Each structure stands twice: as structure tokens, then as C-alpha cells.
Amino acid sequence: MIPYNYKNPNSAKYVKRTWGKHCNVLLFVSGDVDGELEPYVPVANSTDTWTLVHKGLIHAFQMFGDKADWFLRAEDYNFVVLENLRYMIDHKKYLPSQPIYFGYELENIYTHEPFIFFKSGYVLSHEALKRYTDLSKDLQNEHCVHMEGFTEDVELQRCLSYMNVTTVDCRDELGHETFSPIPMDYHFIEGYSFIPWLKNLSFKKVEEETVPLSSRAISFRVQYPPEMYDYYYFVYKMRIFGQFLPNSVEFQPQ
């Protein structure tokens, strides 16, 4: 599920033309319809991210709850390697019936509990999204009240925590992160110095000068959305001599 600002739909289009081809279902959420970005969830006249996500999650479960086990919410500037996501879920033996969600973990400075950094994307299990959808229908509850302009990741964690949905570890066997919290332009050069607060707020503390990134990474942040064509080429099209890679989805920049 990709929320995007309908006043600037181009970034979301790069998703659909590249890694979005590898999704089982690709759903866009916006305040207005765009001819290329279908199917989409209409949210009238809104560009507020949390509003788009809140309504999009409910719609996603209502429309695809009987077809999908896992629900990925990504930004229109994320590049996601779906095959690595599927591998990680299978390798860790996570089940859609478990009330869990995962991504890059930050620490809530007030509760000291982890929550998932939405700018890196995150994944909800079927059971987690079911609980969120069910409680959102209860207009009397005080824990999942949607307020426009609030911070998505903190509000989502507050709601999910009330329903006993917990974060789980999505790092690889070396303890390296699979969801990158910073743009790759800065990852290997400036690291934490580019975002000083990240080292303090990361839930999994490390001694390195940057986030240790897995060789089976799942989600990247792209500074310049047309670079998704570059990512797609290097991930899915380029061949390394002596190593076999199965045929990928045909790709043609538009």
C-alpha cells in the first residue's frame, strides 16, 4: 500500500513501474484519482499522510483480508525487494496469525518501547491488521482515535500496543538491519552524522558509525525517485558472471 500526495503523483508512478510489479496486490491511497495509479483508495481532498494511511489500512483489509497474509505499507520513495521480504518471513517462521508488525525500530522516549519508523516502510500481519480494523470501527475507544496531522508511527504503535500487537525482529542472522532508515546517498559516507538523532533513538543500539545493513536488505530510501530505475536494474536485471539469477519481470523505463 502506497499513500501519496495527489498533487505530486510522479514518485508513486516510479514504484508502479519498477518494484511494484513484484507485489501480489499494489494499492495506492490518495486524495484524487490518477489514471496510472490504479487501484486506489479515494480520500477526499486530503494530503495528510496519517489520514491516507489510516483509511488505506482499513480499506486494504476489507478488500484483501481474505486474499493476503501480510500487508506492506511503503512510502512512494521506498524501493522494496519483495523477494527478500518473503524470504525473511519464511526464514524466521513468522505466521500471519500472529499479532505482529515489523520494520526499522525506534525507541519511544516516554515509554521506552519500540515503534516502527514509517519512512522505512513496515509490514503488518493479517492478525495485526484485523485487530486494527476492528478497533477502528469502535468510535468510543480512546486508543485508536484518528487525528489528522498526528505522527503516524507513534499513533499506530499506541493503537497496536493496546491490542497486544507487538514488534518483532526483522534483522538478519548477523544482527544487520533489513529496513534502511536513511537514504543510501548518506548511508556509506555520513552515516549517523547525517541524522544525529538516529543513533540515540534507534531501539537496537550498535557501535558502528552507521546502521549495519543486511546483504539481504528489504527496503531502501531513495532520495531522487527516478533512481528507482537504477535500483531496479542493479537488483533485478544485472547479472554477475558465475552466478545464476532467475528471469525477472520485464522492465522498460517510461
C-alpha atoms as a PDB file:
ATOM      1  CA  MET A   1       0.000   0.000   0.000  1.00  0.00           C
ATOM      2  CA  ILE A   2       1.444   3.321  -1.144  1.00  0.00           C
ATOM      3  CA  PRO A   3      -0.006   6.623   0.143  1.00  0.00           C
ATOM      4  CA  TYR A   4       0.915   9.615  -1.985  1.00  0.00           C
ATOM      5  CA  ASN A   5       0.150  13.298  -2.420  1.00  0.00           C
ATOM      6  CA  TYR A   6      -2.194  13.583  -5.396  1.00  0.00           C
ATOM      7  CA  LYS A   7      -0.653  16.967  -6.213  1.00  0.00           C
ATOM      8  CA  ASN A   8       2.637  15.193  -6.967  1.00  0.00           C
ATOM      9  CA  PRO A   9       1.943  11.639  -8.194  1.00  0.00           C
ATOM     10  CA  ASN A  10       5.198  11.070 -10.094  1.00  0.00           C
ATOM     11  CA  SER A  11       7.080   9.295  -7.291  1.00  0.00           C
ATOM     12  CA  ALA A  12       4.305   6.732  -6.872  1.00  0.00           C
ATOM     13  CA  LYS A  13       4.408   6.076 -10.618  1.00  0.00           C
ATOM     14  CA  TYR A  14       8.053   5.064 -10.378  1.00  0.00           C
ATOM     15  CA  VAL A  15       7.024   2.488  -7.760  1.00  0.00           C
ATOM     16  CA  LYS A  16       4.396   1.009 -10.064  1.00  0.00           C
ATOM     17  CA  ARG A  17       6.847   0.836 -12.987  1.00  0.00           C
ATOM     18  CA  THR A  18       9.609  -0.886 -11.006  1.00  0.00           C
ATOM     19  CA  TRP A  19       9.412  -2.948  -7.818  1.00  0.00           C
ATOM     20  CA  GLY A  20       5.620  -2.668  -7.604  1.00  0.00           C
ATOM     21  CA  LYS A  21       5.451  -5.286 -10.381  1.00  0.00           C
ATOM     22  CA  HIS A  22       6.588  -7.856  -7.827  1.00  0.00           C
ATOM     23  CA  CYS A  23       3.719  -7.257  -5.374  1.00  0.00           C
ATOM     24  CA  ASN A  24       0.780  -9.654  -5.266  1.00  0.00           C
ATOM     25  CA  VAL A  25      -1.507  -6.628  -4.955  1.00  0.00           C
ATOM     26  CA  LEU A  26      -0.429  -2.995  -5.308  1.00  0.00           C
ATOM     27  CA  LEU A  27      -2.795  -0.457  -3.747  1.00  0.00           C
ATOM     28  CA  PHE A  28      -2.465   3.343  -3.855  1.00  0.00           C
ATOM     29  CA  VAL A  29      -4.089   5.808  -1.453  1.00  0.00           C
ATOM     30  CA  SER A  30      -4.652   9.416  -2.430  1.00  0.00           C
ATOM     31  CA  GLY A  31      -6.998  12.385  -2.347  1.00  0.00           C
ATOM     32  CA  ASP A  32      -7.743  12.154  -6.058  1.00  0.00           C
ATOM     33  CA  VAL A  33      -7.673   9.601  -8.856  1.00  0.00           C
ATOM     34  CA  ASP A  34      -4.764   9.227 -11.255  1.00  0.00           C
ATOM     35  CA  GLY A  35      -5.155   7.259 -14.469  1.00  0.00           C
ATOM     36  CA  GLU A  36      -1.977   5.208 -13.957  1.00  0.00           C
ATOM     37  CA  LEU A  37      -2.175   4.628 -10.213  1.00  0.00           C
ATOM     38  CA  GLU A  38      -4.955   2.082 -10.004  1.00  0.00           C
ATOM     39  CA  PRO A  39      -6.439   0.541  -7.963  1.00  0.00           C
ATOM     40  CA  TYR A  40      -6.576   3.306  -5.410  1.00  0.00           C
ATOM     41  CA  VAL A  41      -8.360   4.272  -2.199  1.00  0.00           C
ATOM     42  CA  PRO A  42     -10.046   7.676  -2.559  1.00  0.00           C
ATOM     43  CA  VAL A  43      -9.582  10.016   0.410  1.00  0.00           C
ATOM     44  CA  ALA A  44     -11.363  13.263  -0.471  1.00  0.00           C
ATOM     45  CA  ASN A  45      -9.143  16.358  -0.636  1.00  0.00           C
ATOM     46  CA  SER A  46      -6.550  15.013   1.778  1.00  0.00           C
ATOM     47  CA  THR A  47      -2.778  15.136   1.589  1.00  0.00           C
ATOM     48  CA  ASP A  48      -2.315  14.256   5.272  1.00  0.00           C
ATOM     49  CA  THR A  49      -0.201  11.091   5.417  1.00  0.00           C
ATOM     50  CA  TRP A  50      -1.739   9.676   8.583  1.00  0.00           C
ATOM     51  CA  THR A  51      -5.251  10.166   7.190  1.00  0.00           C
ATOM     52  CA  LEU A  52      -4.301   8.389   3.970  1.00  0.00           C
ATOM     53  CA  VAL A  53      -2.669   5.512   5.843  1.00  0.00           C
ATOM     54  CA  HIS A  54      -5.477   5.097   8.369  1.00  0.00           C
ATOM     55  CA  LYS A  55      -8.187   4.851   5.718  1.00  0.00           C
ATOM     56  CA  GLY A  56      -5.944   2.860   3.410  1.00  0.00           C
ATOM     57  CA  LEU A  57      -5.208   0.170   6.007  1.00  0.00           C
ATOM     58  CA  ILE A  58      -8.906  -0.305   6.742  1.00  0.00           C
ATOM     59  CA  HIS A  59      -9.715  -0.479   3.026  1.00  0.00           C
ATOM     60  CA  ALA A  60      -6.849  -2.917   2.384  1.00  0.00           C
ATOM     61  CA  PHE A  61      -8.154  -5.361   4.973  1.00  0.00           C
ATOM     62  CA  GLN A  62     -11.762  -5.053   3.837  1.00  0.00           C
ATOM     63  CA  MET A  63     -10.832  -5.662   0.189  1.00  0.00           C
ATOM     64  CA  PHE A  64      -7.960  -8.117   0.502  1.00  0.00           C
ATOM     65  CA  GLY A  65      -8.230  -9.598   4.001  1.00  0.00           C
ATOM     66  CA  ASP A  66      -9.323 -12.935   2.578  1.00  0.00           C
ATOM     67  CA  LYS A  67      -6.522 -12.982  -0.009  1.00  0.00           C
ATOM     68  CA  ALA A  68      -3.410 -11.616   1.697  1.00  0.00           C
ATOM     69  CA  ASP A  69      -1.400 -12.814   4.710  1.00  0.00           C
ATOM     70  CA  TRP A  70       0.924  -9.814   5.028  1.00  0.00           C
ATOM     71  CA  PHE A  71       0.396  -6.103   4.375  1.00  0.00           C
ATOM     72  CA  LEU A  72       3.303  -3.841   3.448  1.00  0.00           C
ATOM     73  CA  ARG A  73       2.899  -0.084   3.850  1.00  0.00           C
ATOM     74  CA  ALA A  74       5.630   1.747   1.953  1.00  0.00           C
ATOM     75  CA  GLU A  75       6.388   5.347   1.061  1.00  0.00           C
ATOM     76  CA  ASP A  76       6.427   6.462  -2.559  1.00  0.00           C
ATOM     77  CA  TYR A  77      10.189   6.973  -2.183  1.00  0.00           C
ATOM     78  CA  ASN A  78      10.900   3.474  -0.821  1.00  0.00           C
ATOM     79  CA  PHE A  79      12.412   0.778  -3.017  1.00  0.00           C
ATOM     80  CA  VAL A  80      11.440  -2.657  -1.705  1.00  0.00           C
ATOM     81  CA  VAL A  81      12.883  -6.058  -2.621  1.00  0.00           C
ATOM     82  CA  LEU A  82       9.796  -8.249  -2.173  1.00  0.00           C
ATOM     83  CA  GLU A  83      11.717 -11.499  -2.593  1.00  0.00           C
ATOM     84  CA  ASN A  84      13.915 -10.671   0.408  1.00  0.00           C
ATOM     85  CA  LEU A  85      10.829  -9.779   2.430  1.00  0.00           C
ATOM     86  CA  ARG A  86       9.210 -13.126   1.641  1.00  0.00           C
ATOM     87  CA  TYR A  87      12.462 -14.919   2.470  1.00  0.00           C
ATOM     88  CA  MET A  88      12.818 -13.163   5.835  1.00  0.00           C
ATOM     89  CA  ILE A  89       9.244 -14.006   6.870  1.00  0.00           C
ATOM     90  CA  ASP A  90       9.721 -17.651   5.908  1.00  0.00           C
ATOM     91  CA  HIS A  91      13.202 -17.895   7.459  1.00  0.00           C
ATOM     92  CA  LYS A  92      12.020 -16.533  10.802  1.00  0.00           C
ATOM     93  CA  LYS A  93       8.860 -18.655  10.616  1.00  0.00           C
ATOM     94  CA  TYR A  94       6.577 -15.717  11.307  1.00  0.00           C
ATOM     95  CA  LEU A  95       2.906 -16.535  10.809  1.00  0.00           C
ATOM     96  CA  PRO A  96       0.073 -14.278   9.573  1.00  0.00           C
ATOM     97  CA  SER A  97      -1.990 -15.461  12.544  1.00  0.00           C
ATOM     98  CA  GLN A  98       0.490 -13.833  14.943  1.00  0.00           C
ATOM     99  CA  PRO A  99      -0.359 -10.257  16.070  1.00  0.00           C
ATOM    100  CA  ILE A 100       2.946  -8.746  14.927  1.00  0.00           C
ATOM    101  CA  TYR A 101       4.408  -5.987  12.790  1.00  0.00           C
ATOM    102  CA  PHE A 102       7.964  -5.092  11.852  1.00  0.00           C
ATOM    103  CA  GLY A 103      10.355  -2.658  10.175  1.00  0.00           C
ATOM    104  CA  TYR A 104      13.132  -0.394  11.473  1.00  0.00           C
ATOM    105  CA  GLU A 105      12.637   0.056  15.225  1.00  0.00           C
ATOM    106  CA  LEU A 106      12.925   3.363  17.043  1.00  0.00           C
ATOM    107  CA  GLU A 107      12.524   3.907  20.786  1.00  0.00           C
ATOM    108  CA  ASN A 108       9.647   5.876  22.272  1.00  0.00           C
ATOM    109  CA  ILE A 109      11.429   8.250  24.660  1.00  0.00           C
ATOM    110  CA  TYR A 110       8.464   8.277  27.054  1.00  0.00           C
ATOM    111  CA  THR A 111       7.548   4.581  27.247  1.00  0.00           C
ATOM    112  CA  HIS A 112      10.928   3.184  26.113  1.00  0.00           C
ATOM    113  CA  GLU A 113       9.028   0.746  23.921  1.00  0.00           C
ATOM    114  CA  PRO A 114       9.892   0.149  20.263  1.00  0.00           C
ATOM    115  CA  PHE A 115       7.837   1.533  17.418  1.00  0.00           C
ATOM    116  CA  ILE A 116       8.373   1.210  13.669  1.00  0.00           C
ATOM    117  CA  PHE A 117       9.812   4.109  11.674  1.00  0.00           C
ATOM    118  CA  PHE A 118       7.244   4.653   8.921  1.00  0.00           C
ATOM    119  CA  LYS A 119       9.690   6.283   6.496  1.00  0.00           C
ATOM    120  CA  SER A 120      11.413   2.936   6.010  1.00  0.00           C
ATOM    121  CA  GLY A 121       8.157   1.099   5.412  1.00  0.00           C
ATOM    122  CA  TYR A 122       6.642  -1.571   7.649  1.00  0.00           C
ATOM    123  CA  VAL A 123       4.734  -4.848   7.465  1.00  0.00           C
ATOM    124  CA  LEU A 124       1.638  -5.904   9.402  1.00  0.00           C
ATOM    125  CA  SER A 125       0.480  -9.490   9.782  1.00  0.00           C
ATOM    126  CA  HIS A 126      -3.069 -10.421   8.840  1.00  0.00           C
ATOM    127  CA  GLU A 127      -3.989 -10.677  12.516  1.00  0.00           C
ATOM    128  CA  ALA A 128      -2.425  -7.295  13.360  1.00  0.00           C
ATOM    129  CA  LEU A 129      -4.350  -5.510  10.617  1.00  0.00           C
ATOM    130  CA  LYS A 130      -7.548  -7.322  11.550  1.00  0.00           C
ATOM    131  CA  ARG A 131      -7.262  -6.050  15.124  1.00  0.00           C
ATOM    132  CA  TYR A 132      -6.512  -2.534  13.940  1.00  0.00           C
ATOM    133  CA  THR A 133      -9.506  -2.548  11.587  1.00  0.00           C
ATOM    134  CA  ASP A 134     -11.849  -3.988  14.211  1.00  0.00           C
ATOM    135  CA  LEU A 135     -10.912  -1.438  16.871  1.00  0.00           C
ATOM    136  CA  SER A 136     -11.060   1.450  14.405  1.00  0.00           C
ATOM    137  CA  LYS A 137     -14.766   0.693  13.949  1.00  0.00           C
ATOM    138  CA  ASP A 138     -15.346   1.382  17.652  1.00  0.00           C
ATOM    139  CA  LEU A 139     -15.974   5.122  17.796  1.00  0.00           C
ATOM    140  CA  GLN A 140     -15.979   5.028  21.611  1.00  0.00           C
ATOM    141  CA  ASN A 141     -12.438   3.727  22.038  1.00  0.00           C
ATOM    142  CA  GLU A 142      -9.759   6.138  23.250  1.00  0.00           C
ATOM    143  CA  HIS A 143      -6.748   4.238  21.957  1.00  0.00           C
ATOM    144  CA  CYS A 144      -7.238   4.239  18.180  1.00  0.00           C
ATOM    145  CA  VAL A 145      -8.729   7.679  17.657  1.00  0.00           C
ATOM    146  CA  HIS A 146      -7.521   9.031  14.346  1.00  0.00           C
ATOM    147  CA  MET A 147      -6.474  12.690  14.435  1.00  0.00           C
ATOM    148  CA  GLU A 148      -5.335  14.437  11.275  1.00  0.00           C
ATOM    149  CA  GLY A 149      -1.796  15.770  11.442  1.00  0.00           C
ATOM    150  CA  PHE A 150      -0.624  13.377  14.177  1.00  0.00           C
ATOM    151  CA  THR A 151       2.566  11.337  13.740  1.00  0.00           C
ATOM    152  CA  GLU A 152       1.740   8.078  12.017  1.00  0.00           C
ATOM    153  CA  ASP A 153       4.289   5.707  13.513  1.00  0.00           C
ATOM    154  CA  VAL A 154       3.757   6.771  17.141  1.00  0.00           C
ATOM    155  CA  GLU A 155      -0.040   6.742  16.823  1.00  0.00           C
ATOM    156  CA  LEU A 156      -0.047   3.371  15.076  1.00  0.00           C
ATOM    157  CA  GLN A 157       2.151   1.858  17.783  1.00  0.00           C
ATOM    158  CA  ARG A 158      -0.095   3.252  20.528  1.00  0.00           C
ATOM    159  CA  CYS A 159      -3.129   1.676  18.915  1.00  0.00           C
ATOM    160  CA  LEU A 160      -1.481  -1.659  18.115  1.00  0.00           C
ATOM    161  CA  SER A 161       0.083  -1.918  21.577  1.00  0.00           C
ATOM    162  CA  TYR A 162      -3.361  -1.580  23.163  1.00  0.00           C
ATOM    163  CA  MET A 163      -4.454  -4.588  21.098  1.00  0.00           C
ATOM    164  CA  ASN A 164      -1.375  -6.598  22.126  1.00  0.00           C
ATOM    165  CA  VAL A 165       0.231  -6.336  18.703  1.00  0.00           C
ATOM    166  CA  THR A 166       3.994  -6.352  19.162  1.00  0.00           C
ATOM    167  CA  THR A 167       7.039  -5.526  17.069  1.00  0.00           C
ATOM    168  CA  VAL A 168       9.303  -8.420  16.106  1.00  0.00           C
ATOM    169  CA  ASP A 169      12.898  -8.519  14.953  1.00  0.00           C
ATOM    170  CA  CYS A 170      13.401  -8.373  11.180  1.00  0.00           C
ATOM    171  CA  ARG A 171      17.205  -8.165  11.261  1.00  0.00           C
ATOM    172  CA  ASP A 172      19.277 -10.900   9.627  1.00  0.00           C
ATOM    173  CA  GLU A 173      21.275 -13.588  11.447  1.00  0.00           C
ATOM    174  CA  LEU A 174      24.208 -11.163  11.861  1.00  0.00           C
ATOM    175  CA  GLY A 175      22.002  -8.569  13.528  1.00  0.00           C
ATOM    176  CA  HIS A 176      22.083  -6.307  10.468  1.00  0.00           C
ATOM    177  CA  GLU A 177      19.065  -4.224   9.555  1.00  0.00           C
ATOM    178  CA  THR A 178      16.874  -5.139   6.575  1.00  0.00           C
ATOM    179  CA  PHE A 179      14.918  -1.855   6.523  1.00  0.00           C
ATOM    180  CA  SER A 180      17.196   1.118   5.850  1.00  0.00           C
ATOM    181  CA  PRO A 181      16.192   4.243   7.843  1.00  0.00           C
ATOM    182  CA  ILE A 182      18.360   6.724   5.910  1.00  0.00           C
ATOM    183  CA  PRO A 183      18.835   7.432   2.188  1.00  0.00           C
ATOM    184  CA  MET A 184      21.584   5.373   0.589  1.00  0.00           C
ATOM    185  CA  ASP A 185      23.293   8.589  -0.546  1.00  0.00           C
ATOM    186  CA  TYR A 186      24.292   9.092   3.098  1.00  0.00           C
ATOM    187  CA  HIS A 187      24.437   5.547   4.389  1.00  0.00           C
ATOM    188  CA  PHE A 188      28.003   4.650   3.436  1.00  0.00           C
ATOM    189  CA  ILE A 189      29.547   8.124   3.721  1.00  0.00           C
ATOM    190  CA  GLU A 190      27.973  10.189   6.508  1.00  0.00           C
ATOM    191  CA  GLY A 191      26.007   7.578   8.443  1.00  0.00           C
ATOM    192  CA  TYR A 192      24.644   8.742  11.788  1.00  0.00           C
ATOM    193  CA  SER A 193      26.260  12.167  11.367  1.00  0.00           C
ATOM    194  CA  PHE A 194      23.654  12.931   8.697  1.00  0.00           C
ATOM    195  CA  ILE A 195      20.824  12.269  11.180  1.00  0.00           C
ATOM    196  CA  PRO A 196      22.341  12.655  14.684  1.00  0.00           C
ATOM    197  CA  TRP A 197      19.134  11.709  16.495  1.00  0.00           C
ATOM    198  CA  LEU A 198      19.003   8.316  14.778  1.00  0.00           C
ATOM    199  CA  LYS A 199      21.853   6.804  16.804  1.00  0.00           C
ATOM    200  CA  ASN A 200      20.142   7.763  20.080  1.00  0.00           C
ATOM    201  CA  LEU A 201      16.617   6.805  19.059  1.00  0.00           C
ATOM    202  CA  SER A 202      17.383   3.502  17.314  1.00  0.00           C
ATOM    203  CA  PHE A 203      15.964   0.755  19.500  1.00  0.00           C
ATOM    204  CA  LYS A 204      18.763  -1.666  18.594  1.00  0.00           C
ATOM    205  CA  LYS A 205      21.915   0.210  19.613  1.00  0.00           C
ATOM    206  CA  VAL A 206      25.173  -0.505  17.731  1.00  0.00           C
ATOM    207  CA  GLU A 207      28.772   0.684  17.968  1.00  0.00           C
ATOM    208  CA  GLU A 208      29.174   1.288  14.235  1.00  0.00           C
ATOM    209  CA  GLU A 209      29.144   4.782  12.762  1.00  0.00           C
ATOM    210  CA  THR A 210      26.212   3.916  10.533  1.00  0.00           C
ATOM    211  CA  VAL A 211      23.304   1.477  10.514  1.00  0.00           C
ATOM    212  CA  PRO A 212      24.666  -2.019   9.783  1.00  0.00           C
ATOM    213  CA  LEU A 213      22.780  -3.007   6.642  1.00  0.00           C
ATOM    214  CA  SER A 214      21.992  -6.604   5.691  1.00  0.00           C
ATOM    215  CA  SER A 215      23.168  -8.158   2.429  1.00  0.00           C
ATOM    216  CA  ARG A 216      19.557  -9.315   2.109  1.00  0.00           C
ATOM    217  CA  ALA A 217      18.109  -5.852   2.683  1.00  0.00           C
ATOM    218  CA  ILE A 218      14.393  -5.365   2.084  1.00  0.00           C
ATOM    219  CA  SER A 219      13.664  -1.628   1.995  1.00  0.00           C
ATOM    220  CA  PHE A 220      15.748   1.349   0.849  1.00  0.00           C
ATOM    221  CA  ARG A 221      15.017   5.062   0.928  1.00  0.00           C
ATOM    222  CA  VAL A 222      15.555   6.791  -2.416  1.00  0.00           C
ATOM    223  CA  GLN A 223      16.445  10.495  -2.448  1.00  0.00           C
ATOM    224  CA  TYR A 224      15.585  11.087  -6.099  1.00  0.00           C
ATOM    225  CA  PRO A 225      12.615   8.910  -7.161  1.00  0.00           C
ATOM    226  CA  PRO A 226      13.751   8.343 -10.795  1.00  0.00           C
ATOM    227  CA  GLU A 227      16.712   6.484  -9.258  1.00  0.00           C
ATOM    228  CA  MET A 228      14.276   3.587  -8.762  1.00  0.00           C
ATOM    229  CA  TYR A 229      15.059   2.678 -12.363  1.00  0.00           C
ATOM    230  CA  ASP A 230      18.725   2.364 -11.326  1.00  0.00           C
ATOM    231  CA  TYR A 231      17.847   0.268  -8.270  1.00  0.00           C
ATOM    232  CA  TYR A 232      15.623  -1.955 -10.368  1.00  0.00           C
ATOM    233  CA  TYR A 233      18.377  -2.565 -12.884  1.00  0.00           C
ATOM    234  CA  PHE A 234      21.009  -3.474 -10.292  1.00  0.00           C
ATOM    235  CA  VAL A 235      18.655  -5.638  -8.204  1.00  0.00           C
ATOM    236  CA  TYR A 236      16.696  -7.442 -10.921  1.00  0.00           C
ATOM    237  CA  LYS A 237      18.410  -7.088 -14.285  1.00  0.00           C
ATOM    238  CA  MET A 238      22.188  -7.059 -13.880  1.00  0.00           C
ATOM    239  CA  ARG A 239      23.883 -10.471 -13.956  1.00  0.00           C
ATOM    240  CA  ILE A 240      27.121 -11.349 -12.178  1.00  0.00           C
ATOM    241  CA  PHE A 241      29.282 -13.825 -14.056  1.00  0.00           C
ATOM    242  CA  GLY A 242      29.170 -17.285 -12.494  1.00  0.00           C
ATOM    243  CA  GLN A 243      26.001 -16.636 -10.506  1.00  0.00           C
ATOM    244  CA  PHE A 244      22.560 -17.688 -11.663  1.00  0.00           C
ATOM    245  CA  LEU A 245      19.591 -15.368 -11.229  1.00  0.00           C
ATOM    246  CA  PRO A 246      16.106 -16.383 -12.395  1.00  0.00           C
ATOM    247  CA  ASN A 247      14.373 -14.380 -15.082  1.00  0.00           C
ATOM    248  CA  SER A 248      12.826 -11.206 -13.676  1.00  0.00           C
ATOM    249  CA  VAL A 249       9.783  -9.233 -14.623  1.00  0.00           C
ATOM    250  CA  GLU A 250      10.380  -7.382 -17.870  1.00  0.00           C
ATOM    251  CA  PHE A 251      11.360  -3.781 -17.198  1.00  0.00           C
ATOM    252  CA  GLN A 252      11.171  -0.797 -19.509  1.00  0.00           C
ATOM    253  CA  PRO A 253      11.585   2.779 -18.184  1.00  0.00           C
ATOM    254  CA  GLN A 254       8.691   5.064 -19.050  1.00  0.00           C
END
